C-alpha atoms as a PDB file:
ATOM      1  CA  MET A   1       0.383  -0.132   0.045  1.00  0.00           C
ATOM      2  CA  ASP A   2       1.286   3.457  -0.588  1.00  0.00           C
ATOM      3  CA  ALA A   3       2.191   5.421   2.158  1.00  0.00           C
ATOM      4  CA  ALA A   4       0.194   8.317   0.942  1.00  0.00           C
ATOM      5  CA  VAL A   5      -2.656   6.561   0.718  1.00  0.00           C
ATOM      6  CA  GLY A   6      -2.379   5.249   4.499  1.00  0.00           C
ATOM      7  CA  ARG A   7      -2.119   9.008   5.563  1.00  0.00           C
ATOM      8  CA  GLU A   8      -4.697  10.533   3.775  1.00  0.00           C
ATOM      9  CA  GLY A   9      -7.330   7.510   4.225  1.00  0.00           C
ATOM     10  CA  LEU A  10     -10.437   7.234   2.230  1.00  0.00           C
ATOM     11  CA  THR A  11     -12.095  10.708   1.852  1.00  0.00           C
ATOM     12  CA  PRO A  12     -14.211  12.229  -0.424  1.00  0.00           C
ATOM     13  CA  ALA A  13     -11.396  13.582  -2.410  1.00  0.00           C
ATOM     14  CA  SER A  14      -9.024  10.807  -2.266  1.00  0.00           C
ATOM     15  CA  ALA A  15     -11.922   8.568  -3.450  1.00  0.00           C
ATOM     16  CA  ALA A  16     -12.558  11.275  -6.272  1.00  0.00           C
ATOM     17  CA  ARG A  17      -9.527  11.277  -7.214  1.00  0.00           C
ATOM     18  CA  ALA A  18      -9.305   6.985  -7.777  1.00  0.00           C
ATOM     19  CA  MET A  19     -12.717   7.281  -9.303  1.00  0.00           C
ATOM     20  CA  THR A  20     -11.501   9.420 -12.130  1.00  0.00           C
ATOM     21  CA  THR A  21      -8.387   7.538 -12.543  1.00  0.00           C
ATOM     22  CA  VAL A  22      -9.918   4.308 -12.854  1.00  0.00           C
ATOM     23  CA  CYS A  23     -12.744   5.535 -15.240  1.00  0.00           C
ATOM     24  CA  GLY A  24      -9.728   7.297 -17.285  1.00  0.00           C
ATOM     25  CA  GLN A  25      -8.473   3.327 -17.354  1.00  0.00           C
ATOM     26  CA  VAL A  26     -11.505   2.012 -18.701  1.00  0.00           C
ATOM     27  CA  GLY A  27     -12.928   4.310 -20.927  1.00  0.00           C
ATOM     28  CA  LEU A  28     -15.969   5.812 -18.538  1.00  0.00           C
ATOM     29  CA  ASP A  29     -17.270   9.176 -18.590  1.00  0.00           C
ATOM     30  CA  SER A  30     -17.020  10.286 -14.432  1.00  0.00           C
ATOM     31  CA  ARG A  31     -18.697  13.628 -15.263  1.00  0.00           C
ATOM     32  CA  GLN A  32     -21.690  12.582 -13.559  1.00  0.00           C
ATOM     33  CA  ALA A  33     -20.340  10.563 -11.146  1.00  0.00           C
ATOM     34  CA  LYS A  34     -22.383  10.673  -8.167  1.00  0.00           C
ATOM     35  CA  LEU A  35     -20.973   9.315  -4.203  1.00  0.00           C
ATOM     36  CA  LEU A  36     -23.699   7.000  -2.976  1.00  0.00           C
ATOM     37  CA  ARG A  37     -21.723   6.116   0.280  1.00  0.00           C
ATOM     38  CA  LEU A  38     -18.287   6.586   1.991  1.00  0.00           C
ATOM     39  CA  GLY A  39     -17.565   3.863   4.659  1.00  0.00           C
ATOM     40  CA  GLU A  40     -15.428   0.720   4.597  1.00  0.00           C
ATOM     41  CA  ASN A  41     -15.331   1.730   0.816  1.00  0.00           C
ATOM     42  CA  ALA A  42     -16.627   4.867  -1.421  1.00  0.00           C
ATOM     43  CA  ILE A  43     -19.605   3.938  -3.481  1.00  0.00           C
ATOM     44  CA  TYR A  44     -19.978   5.743  -6.870  1.00  0.00           C
ATOM     45  CA  ALA A  45     -23.183   5.494  -9.510  1.00  0.00           C
ATOM     46  CA  LEU A  46     -22.363   6.191 -12.931  1.00  0.00           C
ATOM     47  CA  PRO A  47     -25.935   6.276 -13.985  1.00  0.00           C
ATOM     48  CA  PRO A  48     -25.107   7.051 -18.110  1.00  0.00           C
ATOM     49  CA  GLU A  49     -22.746   4.511 -18.033  1.00  0.00           C
ATOM     50  CA  GLY A  50     -24.822   1.757 -15.831  1.00  0.00           C
ATOM     51  CA  VAL A  51     -22.063   1.429 -13.823  1.00  0.00           C
ATOM     52  CA  VAL A  52     -21.430   1.543  -9.711  1.00  0.00           C
ATOM     53  CA  ILE A  53     -17.922   1.602  -9.120  1.00  0.00           C
ATOM     54  CA  ARG A  54     -16.577   0.158  -5.481  1.00  0.00           C
ATOM     55  CA  ILE A  55     -13.520   1.632  -4.096  1.00  0.00           C
ATOM     56  CA  ALA A  56     -11.621  -0.272  -1.417  1.00  0.00           C
ATOM     57  CA  ARG A  57      -9.710   1.628   1.373  1.00  0.00           C
ATOM     58  CA  SER A  58      -6.012   0.125  -0.311  1.00  0.00           C
ATOM     59  CA  ASP A  59      -4.845  -1.997  -2.373  1.00  0.00           C
ATOM     60  CA  ALA A  60      -3.408  -4.089   0.304  1.00  0.00           C
ATOM     61  CA  ALA A  61      -3.348  -7.879   0.595  1.00  0.00           C
ATOM     62  CA  ASP A  62      -6.129  -8.169   2.799  1.00  0.00           C
ATOM     63  CA  ASN A  63      -8.395  -5.786   0.390  1.00  0.00           C
ATOM     64  CA  HIS A  64      -7.375  -8.065  -2.396  1.00  0.00           C
ATOM     65  CA  GLU A  65      -8.828 -11.011  -0.724  1.00  0.00           C
ATOM     66  CA  ARG A  66     -12.184  -9.504   0.271  1.00  0.00           C
ATOM     67  CA  VAL A  67     -12.466  -8.256  -3.050  1.00  0.00           C
ATOM     68  CA  ASP A  68     -11.785 -11.326  -5.037  1.00  0.00           C
ATOM     69  CA  LYS A  69     -14.499 -13.236  -2.166  1.00  0.00           C
ATOM     70  CA  GLU A  70     -16.794 -10.375  -3.578  1.00  0.00           C
ATOM     71  CA  LEU A  71     -16.154 -11.064  -6.933  1.00  0.00           C
ATOM     72  CA  ALA A  72     -16.401 -14.944  -6.369  1.00  0.00           C
ATOM     73  CA  VAL A  73     -19.665 -14.425  -4.594  1.00  0.00           C
ATOM     74  CA  SER A  74     -21.471 -12.685  -6.733  1.00  0.00           C
ATOM     75  CA  ARG A  75     -20.827 -14.911  -9.648  1.00  0.00           C
ATOM     76  CA  TRP A  76     -21.745 -18.083  -7.659  1.00  0.00           C
ATOM     77  CA  LEU A  77     -25.281 -15.943  -6.836  1.00  0.00           C
ATOM     78  CA  THR A  78     -25.881 -15.558 -10.264  1.00  0.00           C
ATOM     79  CA  SER A  79     -24.875 -18.912 -10.994  1.00  0.00           C
ATOM     80  CA  GLN A  80     -27.595 -20.061  -8.401  1.00  0.00           C
ATOM     81  CA  LYS A  81     -30.515 -17.554 -10.166  1.00  0.00           C
ATOM     82  CA  PHE A  82     -30.182 -15.687  -6.565  1.00  0.00           C
ATOM     83  CA  PRO A  83     -31.399 -12.176  -6.657  1.00  0.00           C
ATOM     84  CA  ALA A  84     -28.316 -10.408  -6.310  1.00  0.00           C
ATOM     85  CA  ALA A  85     -25.875  -7.711  -7.787  1.00  0.00           C
ATOM     86  CA  ARG A  86     -24.334  -8.424 -11.286  1.00  0.00           C
ATOM     87  CA  LEU A  87     -21.044  -7.728 -11.895  1.00  0.00           C
ATOM     88  CA  ARG A  88     -19.786  -5.574 -14.838  1.00  0.00           C
ATOM     89  CA  GLU A  89     -18.333  -8.563 -16.983  1.00  0.00           C
ATOM     90  CA  ASP A  90     -17.568  -6.261 -19.712  1.00  0.00           C
ATOM     91  CA  LEU A  91     -14.897  -4.456 -17.422  1.00  0.00           C
ATOM     92  CA  PRO A  92     -12.096  -5.687 -15.912  1.00  0.00           C
ATOM     93  CA  GLN A  93     -11.928  -6.844 -12.837  1.00  0.00           C
ATOM     94  CA  PRO A  94     -10.649  -5.782 -10.035  1.00  0.00           C
ATOM     95  CA  MET A  95      -8.450  -2.923 -11.478  1.00  0.00           C
ATOM     96  CA  SER A  96      -5.983  -0.617  -9.115  1.00  0.00           C
ATOM     97  CA  ALA A  97      -5.750   3.082  -9.433  1.00  0.00           C
ATOM     98  CA  ASP A  98      -4.076   5.639  -6.778  1.00  0.00           C
ATOM     99  CA  GLY A  99      -3.164   2.695  -4.164  1.00  0.00           C
ATOM    100  CA  ARG A 100      -7.114   1.617  -4.188  1.00  0.00           C
ATOM    101  CA  LEU A 101      -8.788  -1.513  -5.531  1.00  0.00           C
ATOM    102  CA  ILE A 102     -11.459  -1.402  -7.546  1.00  0.00           C
ATOM    103  CA  THR A 103     -14.477  -3.211  -8.905  1.00  0.00           C
ATOM    104  CA  PHE A 104     -17.387  -2.421 -11.046  1.00  0.00           C
ATOM    105  CA  TRP A 105     -20.987  -3.320 -10.696  1.00  0.00           C
ATOM    106  CA  GLU A 106     -24.507  -2.828 -12.397  1.00  0.00           C
ATOM    107  CA  TYR A 107     -26.164   0.230 -11.717  1.00  0.00           C
ATOM    108  CA  VAL A 108     -29.793  -0.133 -10.429  1.00  0.00           C
ATOM    109  CA  PRO A 109     -31.727   2.756 -10.656  1.00  0.00           C
ATOM    110  CA  PRO A 110     -33.747   4.280  -7.923  1.00  0.00           C
ATOM    111  CA  SER A 111     -37.147   2.310  -7.519  1.00  0.00           C
ATOM    112  CA  SER A 112     -40.472   3.847  -6.007  1.00  0.00           C
ATOM    113  CA  VAL A 113     -40.985   0.305  -4.532  1.00  0.00           C
ATOM    114  CA  GLN A 114     -39.126   0.324  -0.717  1.00  0.00           C
ATOM    115  CA  PRO A 115     -37.797  -3.158   0.450  1.00  0.00           C
ATOM    116  CA  HIS A 116     -39.585  -4.020   3.879  1.00  0.00           C
ATOM    117  CA  LEU A 117     -38.134  -6.100   6.229  1.00  0.00           C
ATOM    118  CA  THR A 118     -40.279  -9.443   5.324  1.00  0.00           C
ATOM    119  CA  ASP A 119     -38.044  -9.141   1.934  1.00  0.00           C
ATOM    120  CA  LEU A 120     -34.986  -9.396   3.687  1.00  0.00           C
ATOM    121  CA  ALA A 121     -36.000 -12.160   5.853  1.00  0.00           C
ATOM    122  CA  SER A 122     -37.398 -13.898   2.845  1.00  0.00           C
ATOM    123  CA  LEU A 123     -34.017 -13.281   0.855  1.00  0.00           C
ATOM    124  CA  LEU A 124     -31.934 -14.480   3.849  1.00  0.00           C
ATOM    125  CA  ARG A 125     -33.649 -17.875   4.681  1.00  0.00           C
ATOM    126  CA  ALA A 126     -33.233 -18.578   0.610  1.00  0.00           C
ATOM    127  CA  PHE A 127     -29.414 -17.316   0.922  1.00  0.00           C
ATOM    128  CA  HIS A 128     -29.306 -19.836   3.940  1.00  0.00           C
ATOM    129  CA  ALA A 129     -30.358 -22.675   2.218  1.00  0.00           C
ATOM    130  CA  LEU A 130     -28.062 -22.550  -0.755  1.00  0.00           C
ATOM    131  CA  PRO A 131     -25.916 -25.494  -1.272  1.00  0.00           C
ATOM    132  CA  ALA A 132     -21.801 -24.386  -0.640  1.00  0.00           C
ATOM    133  CA  PRO A 133     -20.274 -22.923  -3.267  1.00  0.00           C
ATOM    134  CA  GLY A 134     -17.454 -24.604  -5.362  1.00  0.00           C
ATOM    135  CA  PHE A 135     -14.741 -21.988  -3.249  1.00  0.00           C
ATOM    136  CA  ASP A 136     -13.419 -21.729  -0.049  1.00  0.00           C
ATOM    137  CA  VAL A 137     -15.069 -19.325   2.385  1.00  0.00           C
ATOM    138  CA  ALA A 138     -13.154 -18.039   5.701  1.00  0.00           C
ATOM    139  CA  VAL A 139     -14.664 -18.113   8.816  1.00  0.00           C
ATOM    140  CA  LEU A 140     -16.645 -15.370  10.651  1.00  0.00           C
ATOM    141  CA  ASN A 141     -14.109 -13.042  12.109  1.00  0.00           C
ATOM    142  CA  PRO A 142     -14.928  -9.494  12.362  1.00  0.00           C
ATOM    143  CA  PHE A 143     -12.017  -8.657  14.947  1.00  0.00           C
ATOM    144  CA  PRO A 144      -9.010  -8.072  12.477  1.00  0.00           C
ATOM    145  CA  ILE A 145     -11.168  -5.391  10.519  1.00  0.00           C
ATOM    146  CA  MET A 146     -12.261  -3.694  13.708  1.00  0.00           C
ATOM    147  CA  GLN A 147      -8.323  -3.999  15.085  1.00  0.00           C
ATOM    148  CA  SER A 148      -7.229  -2.319  11.640  1.00  0.00           C
ATOM    149  CA  ARG A 149      -9.934   0.662  12.385  1.00  0.00           C
ATOM    150  CA  LEU A 150      -8.787   1.092  15.695  1.00  0.00           C
ATOM    151  CA  ALA A 151      -4.910   0.943  14.756  1.00  0.00           C
ATOM    152  CA  HIS A 152      -5.409   3.603  11.867  1.00  0.00           C
ATOM    153  CA  ALA A 153      -7.530   6.045  13.979  1.00  0.00           C
ATOM    154  CA  GLU A 154      -6.859   9.799  13.609  1.00  0.00           C
ATOM    155  CA  ARG A 155      -8.413  12.441  15.389  1.00  0.00           C
ATOM    156  CA  ILE A 156      -9.735  10.080  18.047  1.00  0.00           C
ATOM    157  CA  ASP A 157      -9.764  10.589  21.872  1.00  0.00           C
ATOM    158  CA  PRO A 158      -7.061   7.830  22.439  1.00  0.00           C
ATOM    159  CA  ARG A 159      -9.123   6.456  26.100  1.00  0.00           C
ATOM    160  CA  ASP A 160     -11.699   5.976  23.223  1.00  0.00           C
ATOM    161  CA  VAL A 161      -9.449   3.815  21.267  1.00  0.00           C
ATOM    162  CA  GLU A 162      -7.865   1.740  24.455  1.00  0.00           C
ATOM    163  CA  PHE A 163     -11.753   1.304  25.457  1.00  0.00           C
ATOM    164  CA  LEU A 164     -12.930  -0.373  22.430  1.00  0.00           C
ATOM    165  CA  THR A 165      -9.623  -2.370  21.926  1.00  0.00           C
ATOM    166  CA  GLU A 166     -10.283  -3.713  25.422  1.00  0.00           C
ATOM    167  CA  ALA A 167     -13.599  -4.170  24.950  1.00  0.00           C
ATOM    168  CA  CYS A 168     -13.101  -6.202  21.213  1.00  0.00           C
ATOM    169  CA  ASN A 169     -10.458  -8.421  23.331  1.00  0.00           C
ATOM    170  CA  ARG A 170     -13.130  -9.367  26.055  1.00  0.00           C
ATOM    171  CA  ALA A 171     -15.347 -10.185  23.587  1.00  0.00           C
ATOM    172  CA  ARG A 172     -13.151 -12.332  21.375  1.00  0.00           C
ATOM    173  CA  SER A 173     -13.465 -15.648  23.609  1.00  0.00           C
ATOM    174  CA  ALA A 174     -16.886 -15.980  23.732  1.00  0.00           C
ATOM    175  CA  PHE A 175     -17.531 -14.873  20.084  1.00  0.00           C
ATOM    176  CA  THR A 176     -15.074 -17.516  18.900  1.00  0.00           C
ATOM    177  CA  THR A 177     -16.743 -20.333  21.049  1.00  0.00           C
ATOM    178  CA  ILE A 178     -20.254 -19.336  19.348  1.00  0.00           C
ATOM    179  CA  VAL A 179     -18.928 -19.170  16.143  1.00  0.00           C
ATOM    180  CA  MET A 180     -16.892 -22.751  15.653  1.00  0.00           C
ATOM    181  CA  ASP A 181     -20.390 -24.469  16.678  1.00  0.00           C
ATOM    182  CA  LYS A 182     -21.073 -27.268  14.451  1.00  0.00           C
ATOM    183  CA  GLN A 183     -24.394 -25.450  13.806  1.00  0.00           C
ATOM    184  CA  ARG A 184     -22.941 -22.813  10.792  1.00  0.00           C
ATOM    185  CA  GLY A 185     -23.262 -22.183   7.056  1.00  0.00           C
ATOM    186  CA  VAL A 186     -22.226 -19.819   4.765  1.00  0.00           C
ATOM    187  CA  ILE A 187     -23.943 -16.210   5.915  1.00  0.00           C
ATOM    188  CA  HIS A 188     -24.008 -12.948   4.287  1.00  0.00           C
ATOM    189  CA  GLY A 189     -22.431 -11.205   7.445  1.00  0.00           C
ATOM    190  CA  ASP A 190     -23.809  -7.230   6.586  1.00  0.00           C
ATOM    191  CA  ALA A 191     -27.406  -8.708   6.238  1.00  0.00           C
ATOM    192  CA  HIS A 192     -29.266  -4.900   7.030  1.00  0.00           C
ATOM    193  CA  ARG A 193     -32.129  -3.194   4.814  1.00  0.00           C
ATOM    194  CA  GLY A 194     -29.577  -0.946   3.404  1.00  0.00           C
ATOM    195  CA  ASN A 195     -28.165  -3.892   1.582  1.00  0.00           C
ATOM    196  CA  LEU A 196     -31.410  -4.348  -0.525  1.00  0.00           C
ATOM    197  CA  LEU A 197     -31.859  -2.857  -4.009  1.00  0.00           C
ATOM    198  CA  VAL A 198     -34.871  -3.115  -6.187  1.00  0.00           C
ATOM    199  CA  ARG A 199     -34.370  -4.087  -9.815  1.00  0.00           C
ATOM    200  CA  ASP A 200     -37.581  -4.487 -12.276  1.00  0.00           C
ATOM    201  CA  GLY A 201     -39.256  -5.201  -9.124  1.00  0.00           C
ATOM    202  CA  GLN A 202     -37.460  -7.749  -7.918  1.00  0.00           C
ATOM    203  CA  VAL A 203     -35.351  -7.159  -4.388  1.00  0.00           C
ATOM    204  CA  LEU A 204     -31.740  -7.880  -4.565  1.00  0.00           C
ATOM    205  CA  LEU A 205     -29.160  -8.717  -1.688  1.00  0.00           C
ATOM    206  CA  ILE A 206     -26.402  -7.158  -2.272  1.00  0.00           C
ATOM    207  CA  ASP A 207     -22.569  -6.248  -0.802  1.00  0.00           C
ATOM    208  CA  TYR A 208     -20.922  -9.340  -0.506  1.00  0.00           C
ATOM    209  CA  GLU A 209     -17.435  -8.376   1.441  1.00  0.00           C
ATOM    210  CA  ALA A 210     -18.758  -9.983   4.863  1.00  0.00           C
ATOM    211  CA  VAL A 211     -19.781 -13.220   3.925  1.00  0.00           C
ATOM    212  CA  ALA A 212     -18.227 -15.914   5.329  1.00  0.00           C
ATOM    213  CA  VAL A 213     -18.887 -19.389   7.035  1.00  0.00           C
ATOM    214  CA  GLY A 214     -20.482 -18.947  10.552  1.00  0.00           C
ATOM    215  CA  PRO A 215     -23.769 -18.852  12.686  1.00  0.00           C
ATOM    216  CA  ARG A 216     -26.811 -18.141  10.617  1.00  0.00           C
ATOM    217  CA  ALA A 217     -27.937 -16.091  13.543  1.00  0.00           C
ATOM    218  CA  TRP A 218     -25.332 -13.513  12.912  1.00  0.00           C
ATOM    219  CA  ASP A 219     -27.552 -12.525   9.721  1.00  0.00           C
ATOM    220  CA  LEU A 220     -30.454 -12.016  12.194  1.00  0.00           C
ATOM    221  CA  ILE A 221     -28.394  -9.855  14.651  1.00  0.00           C
ATOM    222  CA  PRO A 222     -28.793  -6.655  12.581  1.00  0.00           C
ATOM    223  CA  THR A 223     -32.745  -6.442  12.320  1.00  0.00           C
ATOM    224  CA  ALA A 224     -32.702  -7.504  16.045  1.00  0.00           C
ATOM    225  CA  THR A 225     -30.143  -4.649  17.195  1.00  0.00           C
ATOM    226  CA  ALA A 226     -32.120  -2.585  14.758  1.00  0.00           C
ATOM    227  CA  MET A 227     -35.131  -3.039  17.372  1.00  0.00           C
ATOM    228  CA  ASP A 228     -33.074  -2.558  20.254  1.00  0.00           C
ATOM    229  CA  ARG A 229     -30.817   0.698  19.287  1.00  0.00           C
ATOM    230  CA  PHE A 230     -32.572   2.197  16.297  1.00  0.00           C
ATOM    231  CA  GLY A 231     -36.269   2.149  16.911  1.00  0.00           C
ATOM    232  CA  LEU A 232     -37.531  -0.500  14.626  1.00  0.00           C
ATOM    233  CA  SER A 233     -40.966  -1.353  15.878  1.00  0.00           C
ATOM    234  CA  ARG A 234     -42.192  -4.155  17.598  1.00  0.00           C
ATOM    235  CA  PRO A 235     -44.394  -5.198  14.748  1.00  0.00           C
ATOM    236  CA  ASP A 236     -42.141  -5.085  12.383  1.00  0.00           C
ATOM    237  CA  TYR A 237     -39.576  -7.416  14.168  1.00  0.00           C
ATOM    238  CA  GLU A 238     -41.955  -9.602  14.631  1.00  0.00           C
ATOM    239  CA  ALA A 239     -42.877  -9.829  11.280  1.00  0.00           C
ATOM    240  CA  PHE A 240     -39.275 -10.396  10.189  1.00  0.00           C
ATOM    241  CA  CYS A 241     -38.906 -13.419  12.708  1.00  0.00           C
ATOM    242  CA  ARG A 242     -42.307 -14.716  11.224  1.00  0.00           C
ATOM    243  CA  THR A 243     -41.087 -14.606   7.676  1.00  0.00           C
ATOM    244  CA  TYR A 244     -37.607 -15.951   8.694  1.00  0.00           C
ATOM    245  CA  GLY A 245     -38.720 -18.642  10.926  1.00  0.00           C
ATOM    246  CA  CYS A 246     -37.182 -17.580  14.252  1.00  0.00           C
ATOM    247  CA  ASP A 247     -36.421 -14.987  16.640  1.00  0.00           C
ATOM    248  CA  VAL A 248     -32.724 -14.349  17.369  1.00  0.00           C
ATOM    249  CA  THR A 249     -33.503 -12.676  20.676  1.00  0.00           C
ATOM    250  CA  ASP A 250     -34.750 -15.862  22.228  1.00  0.00           C
ATOM    251  CA  TRP A 251     -31.003 -17.864  21.677  1.00  0.00           C
ATOM    252  CA  HIS A 252     -28.330 -18.240  24.232  1.00  0.00           C
ATOM    253  CA  GLY A 253     -25.752 -16.542  21.918  1.00  0.00           C
ATOM    254  CA  TYR A 254     -27.593 -13.281  21.460  1.00  0.00           C
ATOM    255  CA  GLU A 255     -26.280 -10.976  23.401  1.00  0.00           C
ATOM    256  CA  THR A 256     -22.806 -11.884  22.657  1.00  0.00           C
ATOM    257  CA  LEU A 257     -23.489 -11.343  18.734  1.00  0.00           C
ATOM    258  CA  ARG A 258     -25.113  -8.251  19.905  1.00  0.00           C
ATOM    259  CA  SER A 259     -22.128  -6.995  21.213  1.00  0.00           C
ATOM    260  CA  VAL A 260     -19.885  -7.889  19.065  1.00  0.00           C
ATOM    261  CA  ARG A 261     -22.032  -6.320  16.299  1.00  0.00           C
ATOM    262  CA  GLU A 262     -22.635  -2.732  18.397  1.00  0.00           C
ATOM    263  CA  LEU A 263     -18.277  -2.632  18.166  1.00  0.00           C
ATOM    264  CA  GLY A 264     -18.328  -3.358  14.674  1.00  0.00           C
ATOM    265  CA  MET A 265     -20.843  -0.604  14.339  1.00  0.00           C
ATOM    266  CA  THR A 266     -19.022   1.608  16.147  1.00  0.00           C
ATOM    267  CA  THR A 267     -15.598   1.478  15.027  1.00  0.00           C
ATOM    268  CA  TRP A 268     -17.103   1.816  11.250  1.00  0.00           C
ATOM    269  CA  LEU A 269     -18.668   5.094  12.469  1.00  0.00           C
ATOM    270  CA  MET A 270     -15.288   6.036  14.210  1.00  0.00           C
ATOM    271  CA  GLN A 271     -13.594   6.088  10.560  1.00  0.00           C
ATOM    272  CA  ASN A 272     -15.603   9.366   9.702  1.00  0.00           C
ATOM    273  CA  ALA A 273     -16.084  10.841  13.318  1.00  0.00           C
ATOM    274  CA  GLN A 274     -13.833  13.674  13.494  1.00  0.00           C
ATOM    275  CA  SER A 275     -16.400  16.223  13.120  1.00  0.00           C
ATOM    276  CA  GLY A 276     -20.292  17.096  12.627  1.00  0.00           C
ATOM    277  CA  LYS A 277     -22.969  14.233  12.674  1.00  0.00           C
ATOM    278  CA  ALA A 278     -20.825  11.269  13.084  1.00  0.00           C
ATOM    279  CA  ALA A 279     -18.524  12.988  15.792  1.00  0.00           C
ATOM    280  CA  GLU A 280     -21.747  13.521  17.832  1.00  0.00           C
ATOM    281  CA  GLU A 281     -23.366   9.876  16.897  1.00  0.00           C
ATOM    282  CA  PHE A 282     -19.637   8.490  17.912  1.00  0.00           C
ATOM    283  CA  ALA A 283     -19.610  10.141  21.275  1.00  0.00           C
ATOM    284  CA  LEU A 284     -23.114   9.210  22.141  1.00  0.00           C
ATOM    285  CA  ARG A 285     -22.249   5.245  21.380  1.00  0.00           C
ATOM    286  CA  MET A 286     -19.310   5.532  23.339  1.00  0.00           C
ATOM    287  CA  GLN A 287     -21.060   6.830  26.479  1.00  0.00           C
ATOM    288  CA  SER A 288     -23.705   3.864  26.259  1.00  0.00           C
ATOM    289  CA  LEU A 289     -21.023   1.410  25.743  1.00  0.00           C
ATOM    290  CA  ARG A 290     -18.777   2.632  28.832  1.00  0.00           C
ATOM    291  CA  GLU A 291     -22.151   2.655  30.727  1.00  0.00           C
ATOM    292  CA  GLU A 292     -23.284  -0.707  29.678  1.00  0.00           C
ATOM    293  CA  ASP A 293     -26.661   1.182  28.423  1.00  0.00           C
ATOM    294  CA  ARG A 294     -28.329  -1.508  26.282  1.00  0.00           C
ATOM    295  CA  GLU A 295     -31.419   0.875  25.594  1.00  0.00           C
ATOM    296  CA  ARG A 296     -29.807   4.497  24.615  1.00  0.00           C
ATOM    297  CA  GLN A 297     -31.078   4.803  21.071  1.00  0.00           C
ATOM    298  CA  TRP A 298     -28.505   5.247  18.337  1.00  0.00           C
ATOM    299  CA  HIS A 299     -29.006   7.075  15.225  1.00  0.00           C
ATOM    300  CA  ALA A 300     -28.347   5.216  11.613  1.00  0.00           C
ATOM    301  CA  LEU A 301     -25.678   7.890   9.372  1.00  0.00           C
END
């Protein structure tokens, strides 16, 4: 990884440079590019080109592994006729530009149809029933990426970094015991409503960066956490549970998985929590974690 890339991080400016560079390399017109999301990756839409560009934080070896997995999972799901995001196979995959790894996906125009949580539950039930893919998938382990975020934290109170580091260390043992249980399979890894799109009236499950082998309960935790932390109504949550077929909050490992999920969400937010609403929300989450307040409402950013 280029040292300048590591110092600057993934910012709107650095992401725009990488996007413009790679468009020049493959002959895409970037003038109408729209930044959809900036988090673990930068996501740009080029509607006139019918392309979504996904930019990783760097082209380091661990990002190569994740990107190769995303490509393999997308192709596997397409082979299974599962409603999934499609790659732009007419473009080279992956590309590297400005020290960042880049992939190209089919652009899905905005839809007037809004996916429901029951759509997510149906897709997860179908995903969990798929046959095993013909390639290796790593065991679920969210700790390395959290540790990396903490190791590269910029302009974050060192006391917050220390607290989160210790919290991750405390959670690891119980989490590992649950993950290694024999009742596991291929999971999406980041299953929430934000990873649903609608194409021609069909709801799609997108974003395969976190696909892993682990307890299927991990894919149900985000919706339960949405009720615990983000104001999801009890009737909506119960409809999700009925559609999927169980309520993860009744399971013995729920509290452990929820704690790890919350640490993941907080370290993710930390990457862009230097100012503004992100900084305010990060402070709120840190206070609730320090006080072990399991009912404090968080806000999605």
